[in-house]
Amino acid sequence: MKNHLALAASVAAFLCFLLFLTVSGLRFAPAGVSVHVDRTVEAEDARLNINTASATELEALPGIGPALSAAIIQQREAVGRFTEAEELLDVPGIGEKKLEAIRELLRFD
């Protein structure tokens, strides 16, 4: 019984040690080798690029159907790249309310 308790305590200590390594980000490396872990990860921009989006991608936006996606693409082809959200107000069918619904979902690169 005493051996089982000692074994259980050893296993628990080892598991705590592994958890610590996982949480702290420590990595094992051979002697003399320096390891640097860069924890800065830029979040991928999930917003839709209005200047390269296909009709299908545009239709995934709230309130944008086939006719409006076609109008956005037609405006983009006629006038050129959109540089800011307000330029979408020139697209027939997009008003202030619809623009506010999609503004945060768009990027303009």
N, C-alpha and C. Protein backbone atom coordinates (compact mmCIF):
# COMPACT_ATOMS: atom_id res chain seq x y z
N MET A 1 0.83 -1.19 0.00
CA MET A 1 0.00 0.00 0.00
C MET A 1 0.87 1.25 0.00
N LYS A 2 1.93 1.22 0.81
CA LYS A 2 2.82 2.37 0.89
C LYS A 2 3.51 2.61 -0.44
N ASN A 3 3.86 1.52 -1.15
CA ASN A 3 4.50 1.66 -2.46
C ASN A 3 3.55 2.25 -3.49
N HIS A 4 2.27 1.89 -3.42
CA HIS A 4 1.28 2.42 -4.35
C HIS A 4 1.10 3.92 -4.15
N LEU A 5 1.11 4.36 -2.90
CA LEU A 5 0.99 5.79 -2.61
C LEU A 5 2.20 6.55 -3.11
N ALA A 6 3.36 5.99 -2.93
CA ALA A 6 4.59 6.63 -3.40
C ALA A 6 4.59 6.71 -4.93
N LEU A 7 4.15 5.65 -5.58
CA LEU A 7 4.08 5.64 -7.04
C LEU A 7 3.06 6.66 -7.53
N ALA A 8 1.91 6.71 -6.89
CA ALA A 8 0.87 7.67 -7.27
C ALA A 8 1.37 9.10 -7.09
N ALA A 9 2.08 9.35 -6.00
CA ALA A 9 2.63 10.69 -5.76
C ALA A 9 3.67 11.04 -6.81
N SER A 10 4.51 10.08 -7.19
CA SER A 10 5.53 10.32 -8.22
C SER A 10 4.89 10.62 -9.57
N VAL A 11 3.87 9.85 -9.92
CA VAL A 11 3.17 10.07 -11.19
C VAL A 11 2.51 11.44 -11.18
N ALA A 12 1.87 11.81 -10.09
CA ALA A 12 1.21 13.11 -9.99
C ALA A 12 2.23 14.24 -10.12
N ALA A 13 3.38 14.10 -9.48
CA ALA A 13 4.42 15.12 -9.57
C ALA A 13 4.93 15.23 -11.00
N PHE A 14 5.12 14.11 -11.66
CA PHE A 14 5.59 14.12 -13.04
C PHE A 14 4.56 14.79 -13.96
N LEU A 15 3.29 14.49 -13.78
CA LEU A 15 2.24 15.10 -14.59
C LEU A 15 2.17 16.61 -14.35
N CYS A 16 2.35 17.03 -13.11
CA CYS A 16 2.38 18.47 -12.81
C CYS A 16 3.56 19.13 -13.51
N PHE A 17 4.70 18.46 -13.52
CA PHE A 17 5.88 18.98 -14.19
C PHE A 17 5.62 19.13 -15.69
N LEU A 18 5.00 18.12 -16.31
CA LEU A 18 4.68 18.20 -17.74
C LEU A 18 3.68 19.33 -18.02
N LEU A 19 2.72 19.49 -17.15
CA LEU A 19 1.76 20.57 -17.30
C LEU A 19 2.47 21.92 -17.21
N PHE A 20 3.38 22.05 -16.27
CA PHE A 20 4.16 23.28 -16.13
C PHE A 20 4.94 23.58 -17.40
N LEU A 21 5.58 22.56 -17.97
CA LEU A 21 6.35 22.76 -19.21
C LEU A 21 5.45 23.20 -20.35
N THR A 22 4.30 22.61 -20.44
CA THR A 22 3.36 22.95 -21.50
C THR A 22 2.88 24.38 -21.37
N VAL A 23 2.50 24.76 -20.18
CA VAL A 23 1.97 26.11 -19.94
C VAL A 23 3.06 27.17 -20.07
N SER A 24 4.24 26.88 -19.58
CA SER A 24 5.31 27.88 -19.58
C SER A 24 5.98 28.01 -20.94
N GLY A 25 5.83 27.02 -21.80
CA GLY A 25 6.43 27.09 -23.12
C GLY A 25 7.89 26.70 -23.14
N LEU A 26 8.41 26.14 -22.07
CA LEU A 26 9.81 25.73 -22.06
C LEU A 26 10.02 24.59 -23.04
N ARG A 27 11.16 24.59 -23.69
CA ARG A 27 11.49 23.54 -24.64
C ARG A 27 12.84 22.95 -24.25
N PHE A 28 12.99 21.66 -24.50
CA PHE A 28 14.26 21.01 -24.24
C PHE A 28 15.14 21.17 -25.47
N ALA A 29 16.41 21.43 -25.26
CA ALA A 29 17.36 21.55 -26.37
C ALA A 29 18.68 20.94 -25.91
N PRO A 30 19.48 20.46 -26.85
CA PRO A 30 20.79 19.93 -26.49
C PRO A 30 21.64 21.01 -25.82
N ALA A 31 22.60 20.58 -25.02
CA ALA A 31 23.48 21.52 -24.32
C ALA A 31 24.15 22.45 -25.33
N GLY A 32 24.20 23.72 -25.00
CA GLY A 32 24.85 24.70 -25.86
C GLY A 32 23.96 25.27 -26.95
N VAL A 33 22.74 24.76 -27.05
CA VAL A 33 21.83 25.26 -28.08
C VAL A 33 20.81 26.17 -27.41
N SER A 34 20.71 27.37 -27.92
CA SER A 34 19.76 28.33 -27.37
C SER A 34 18.44 28.22 -28.14
N VAL A 35 17.36 28.19 -27.41
CA VAL A 35 16.04 28.08 -28.03
C VAL A 35 15.24 29.31 -27.65
N HIS A 36 14.69 29.97 -28.65
CA HIS A 36 13.84 31.13 -28.41
C HIS A 36 12.46 30.82 -28.99
N VAL A 37 11.45 30.98 -28.20
CA VAL A 37 10.08 30.76 -28.65
C VAL A 37 9.42 32.11 -28.78
N ASP A 38 9.05 32.46 -30.01
CA ASP A 38 8.38 33.74 -30.25
C ASP A 38 6.89 33.55 -30.07
N ARG A 39 6.33 34.17 -29.05
CA ARG A 39 4.91 34.00 -28.75
C ARG A 39 4.04 35.06 -29.40
N THR A 40 4.63 35.95 -30.21
CA THR A 40 3.83 36.95 -30.88
C THR A 40 3.32 36.37 -32.18
N VAL A 41 2.04 36.15 -32.22
CA VAL A 41 1.40 35.60 -33.40
C VAL A 41 0.37 36.61 -33.86
N GLU A 42 0.52 37.06 -35.09
CA GLU A 42 -0.45 38.01 -35.61
C GLU A 42 -1.70 37.25 -36.04
N ALA A 43 -2.82 37.74 -35.61
CA ALA A 43 -4.08 37.11 -36.00
C ALA A 43 -4.31 37.36 -37.48
N GLU A 44 -4.69 36.31 -38.17
CA GLU A 44 -4.99 36.46 -39.58
C GLU A 44 -6.22 37.34 -39.72
N ASP A 45 -6.15 38.27 -40.65
CA ASP A 45 -7.27 39.18 -40.86
C ASP A 45 -8.37 38.43 -41.58
N ALA A 46 -9.44 38.17 -40.87
CA ALA A 46 -10.55 37.38 -41.43
C ALA A 46 -11.54 38.24 -42.21
N ARG A 47 -11.30 39.54 -42.24
CA ARG A 47 -12.22 40.40 -42.98
C ARG A 47 -12.09 40.14 -44.48
N LEU A 48 -13.14 40.40 -45.21
CA LEU A 48 -13.20 40.15 -46.64
C LEU A 48 -12.60 41.34 -47.39
N ASN A 49 -11.66 41.05 -48.29
CA ASN A 49 -11.07 42.10 -49.12
C ASN A 49 -12.07 42.44 -50.22
N ILE A 50 -12.67 43.59 -50.13
CA ILE A 50 -13.73 44.00 -51.06
C ILE A 50 -13.19 44.15 -52.48
N ASN A 51 -11.88 44.37 -52.62
CA ASN A 51 -11.29 44.59 -53.94
C ASN A 51 -10.91 43.32 -54.68
N THR A 52 -10.96 42.19 -54.02
CA THR A 52 -10.63 40.92 -54.68
C THR A 52 -11.73 39.87 -54.49
N ALA A 53 -12.75 40.18 -53.74
CA ALA A 53 -13.80 39.20 -53.42
C ALA A 53 -14.60 38.82 -54.65
N SER A 54 -14.91 37.55 -54.72
CA SER A 54 -15.78 37.04 -55.79
C SER A 54 -17.24 37.32 -55.41
N ALA A 55 -18.13 37.09 -56.37
CA ALA A 55 -19.56 37.26 -56.10
C ALA A 55 -20.00 36.34 -54.98
N THR A 56 -19.52 35.12 -54.98
CA THR A 56 -19.90 34.15 -53.94
C THR A 56 -19.42 34.62 -52.57
N GLU A 57 -18.21 35.14 -52.50
CA GLU A 57 -17.69 35.64 -51.22
C GLU A 57 -18.49 36.84 -50.75
N LEU A 58 -18.83 37.74 -51.66
CA LEU A 58 -19.63 38.92 -51.29
C LEU A 58 -21.00 38.51 -50.77
N GLU A 59 -21.57 37.48 -51.37
CA GLU A 59 -22.90 37.03 -50.96
C GLU A 59 -22.91 36.40 -49.57
N ALA A 60 -21.75 36.10 -49.03
CA ALA A 60 -21.67 35.59 -47.66
C ALA A 60 -21.86 36.71 -46.64
N LEU A 61 -21.76 37.95 -47.09
CA LEU A 61 -21.97 39.10 -46.19
C LEU A 61 -23.46 39.26 -45.89
N PRO A 62 -23.80 39.72 -44.70
CA PRO A 62 -25.22 39.89 -44.36
C PRO A 62 -25.90 40.93 -45.26
N GLY A 63 -27.02 40.54 -45.85
CA GLY A 63 -27.81 41.46 -46.67
C GLY A 63 -27.32 41.62 -48.09
N ILE A 64 -26.29 40.85 -48.48
CA ILE A 64 -25.77 40.95 -49.84
C ILE A 64 -26.17 39.68 -50.60
N GLY A 65 -27.00 39.87 -51.61
CA GLY A 65 -27.43 38.76 -52.45
C GLY A 65 -26.75 38.84 -53.81
N PRO A 66 -27.20 38.01 -54.75
CA PRO A 66 -26.59 37.98 -56.08
C PRO A 66 -26.63 39.32 -56.82
N ALA A 67 -27.75 40.03 -56.76
CA ALA A 67 -27.86 41.31 -57.47
C ALA A 67 -26.91 42.35 -56.88
N LEU A 68 -26.83 42.40 -55.57
CA LEU A 68 -25.97 43.40 -54.93
C LEU A 68 -24.49 43.05 -55.08
N SER A 69 -24.16 41.77 -55.04
CA SER A 69 -22.76 41.39 -55.24
C SER A 69 -22.34 41.73 -56.66
N ALA A 70 -23.24 41.53 -57.64
CA ALA A 70 -22.94 41.90 -59.02
C ALA A 70 -22.75 43.42 -59.15
N ALA A 71 -23.57 44.18 -58.44
CA ALA A 71 -23.45 45.65 -58.48
C ALA A 71 -22.13 46.11 -57.87
N ILE A 72 -21.70 45.47 -56.79
CA ILE A 72 -20.42 45.82 -56.16
C ILE A 72 -19.28 45.54 -57.14
N ILE A 73 -19.30 44.38 -57.77
CA ILE A 73 -18.24 44.03 -58.72
C ILE A 73 -18.27 44.96 -59.92
N GLN A 74 -19.45 45.29 -60.41
CA GLN A 74 -19.57 46.21 -61.54
C GLN A 74 -18.99 47.58 -61.18
N GLN A 75 -19.30 48.08 -59.99
CA GLN A 75 -18.76 49.37 -59.54
C GLN A 75 -17.24 49.30 -59.42
N ARG A 76 -16.74 48.21 -58.88
CA ARG A 76 -15.29 48.01 -58.71
C ARG A 76 -14.60 48.00 -60.08
N GLU A 77 -15.19 47.33 -61.05
CA GLU A 77 -14.60 47.27 -62.39
C GLU A 77 -14.69 48.60 -63.12
N ALA A 78 -15.76 49.35 -62.89
CA ALA A 78 -15.96 50.63 -63.57
C ALA A 78 -15.11 51.75 -63.00
N VAL A 79 -15.00 51.81 -61.68
CA VAL A 79 -14.35 52.94 -61.02
C VAL A 79 -12.95 52.60 -60.53
N GLY A 80 -12.72 51.34 -60.24
CA GLY A 80 -11.42 50.94 -59.69
C GLY A 80 -11.58 50.48 -58.24
N ARG A 81 -10.46 50.29 -57.59
CA ARG A 81 -10.44 49.76 -56.22
C ARG A 81 -11.17 50.68 -55.25
N PHE A 82 -11.84 50.04 -54.30
CA PHE A 82 -12.43 50.78 -53.19
C PHE A 82 -11.31 51.07 -52.20
N THR A 83 -11.27 52.27 -51.68
CA THR A 83 -10.24 52.62 -50.69
C THR A 83 -10.80 52.83 -49.30
N GLU A 84 -12.12 53.02 -49.21
CA GLU A 84 -12.76 53.18 -47.91
C GLU A 84 -14.22 52.74 -48.01
N ALA A 85 -14.78 52.44 -46.88
CA ALA A 85 -16.13 51.88 -46.81
C ALA A 85 -17.18 52.83 -47.42
N GLU A 86 -17.03 54.10 -47.22
CA GLU A 86 -18.02 55.07 -47.70
C GLU A 86 -18.20 55.02 -49.21
N GLU A 87 -17.19 54.57 -49.95
CA GLU A 87 -17.31 54.48 -51.41
C GLU A 87 -18.36 53.45 -51.82
N LEU A 88 -18.69 52.53 -50.93
CA LEU A 88 -19.73 51.55 -51.23
C LEU A 88 -21.11 52.19 -51.31
N LEU A 89 -21.25 53.38 -50.76
CA LEU A 89 -22.53 54.09 -50.84
C LEU A 89 -22.86 54.47 -52.29
N ASP A 90 -21.85 54.47 -53.17
CA ASP A 90 -22.07 54.75 -54.59
C ASP A 90 -22.65 53.56 -55.34
N VAL A 91 -22.66 52.39 -54.70
CA VAL A 91 -23.22 51.19 -55.31
C VAL A 91 -24.73 51.22 -55.12
N PRO A 92 -25.49 51.15 -56.22
CA PRO A 92 -26.95 51.14 -56.08
C PRO A 92 -27.40 49.97 -55.20
N GLY A 93 -28.21 50.28 -54.20
CA GLY A 93 -28.71 49.25 -53.29
C GLY A 93 -28.00 49.22 -51.94
N ILE A 94 -26.89 49.95 -51.82
CA ILE A 94 -26.20 50.02 -50.53
C ILE A 94 -26.45 51.40 -49.94
N GLY A 95 -27.09 51.39 -48.80
CA GLY A 95 -27.34 52.62 -48.07
C GLY A 95 -26.57 52.60 -46.75
N GLU A 96 -26.78 53.61 -45.95
CA GLU A 96 -26.08 53.74 -44.66
C GLU A 96 -26.29 52.52 -43.77
N LYS A 97 -27.51 52.04 -43.70
CA LYS A 97 -27.83 50.92 -42.81
C LYS A 97 -27.10 49.64 -43.24
N LYS A 98 -27.14 49.34 -44.53
CA LYS A 98 -26.46 48.14 -45.03
C LYS A 98 -24.95 48.28 -44.88
N LEU A 99 -24.43 49.48 -45.15
CA LEU A 99 -22.99 49.72 -45.00
C LEU A 99 -22.56 49.48 -43.56
N GLU A 100 -23.33 49.96 -42.61
CA GLU A 100 -22.97 49.75 -41.19
C GLU A 100 -23.01 48.27 -40.82
N ALA A 101 -23.88 47.51 -41.47
CA ALA A 101 -23.98 46.08 -41.17
C ALA A 101 -22.77 45.29 -41.66
N ILE A 102 -22.09 45.80 -42.71
CA ILE A 102 -20.97 45.05 -43.28
C ILE A 102 -19.61 45.73 -43.08
N ARG A 103 -19.60 46.97 -42.65
CA ARG A 103 -18.36 47.75 -42.55
C ARG A 103 -17.23 47.01 -41.83
N GLU A 104 -17.50 46.45 -40.68
CA GLU A 104 -16.46 45.79 -39.88
C GLU A 104 -16.02 44.44 -40.47
N LEU A 105 -16.73 43.97 -41.47
CA LEU A 105 -16.40 42.69 -42.08
C LEU A 105 -15.52 42.85 -43.32
N LEU A 106 -15.20 44.10 -43.67
CA LEU A 106 -14.48 44.39 -44.91
C LEU A 106 -13.09 44.96 -44.66
N ARG A 107 -12.21 44.73 -45.62
CA ARG A 107 -10.92 45.42 -45.65
C ARG A 107 -10.72 45.92 -47.07
N PHE A 108 -9.79 46.86 -47.23
CA PHE A 108 -9.66 47.58 -48.49
C PHE A 108 -8.22 47.60 -48.99
N ASP A 109 -7.52 46.43 -49.02
CA ASP A 109 -6.15 46.43 -49.50
C ASP A 109 -6.12 46.28 -51.00
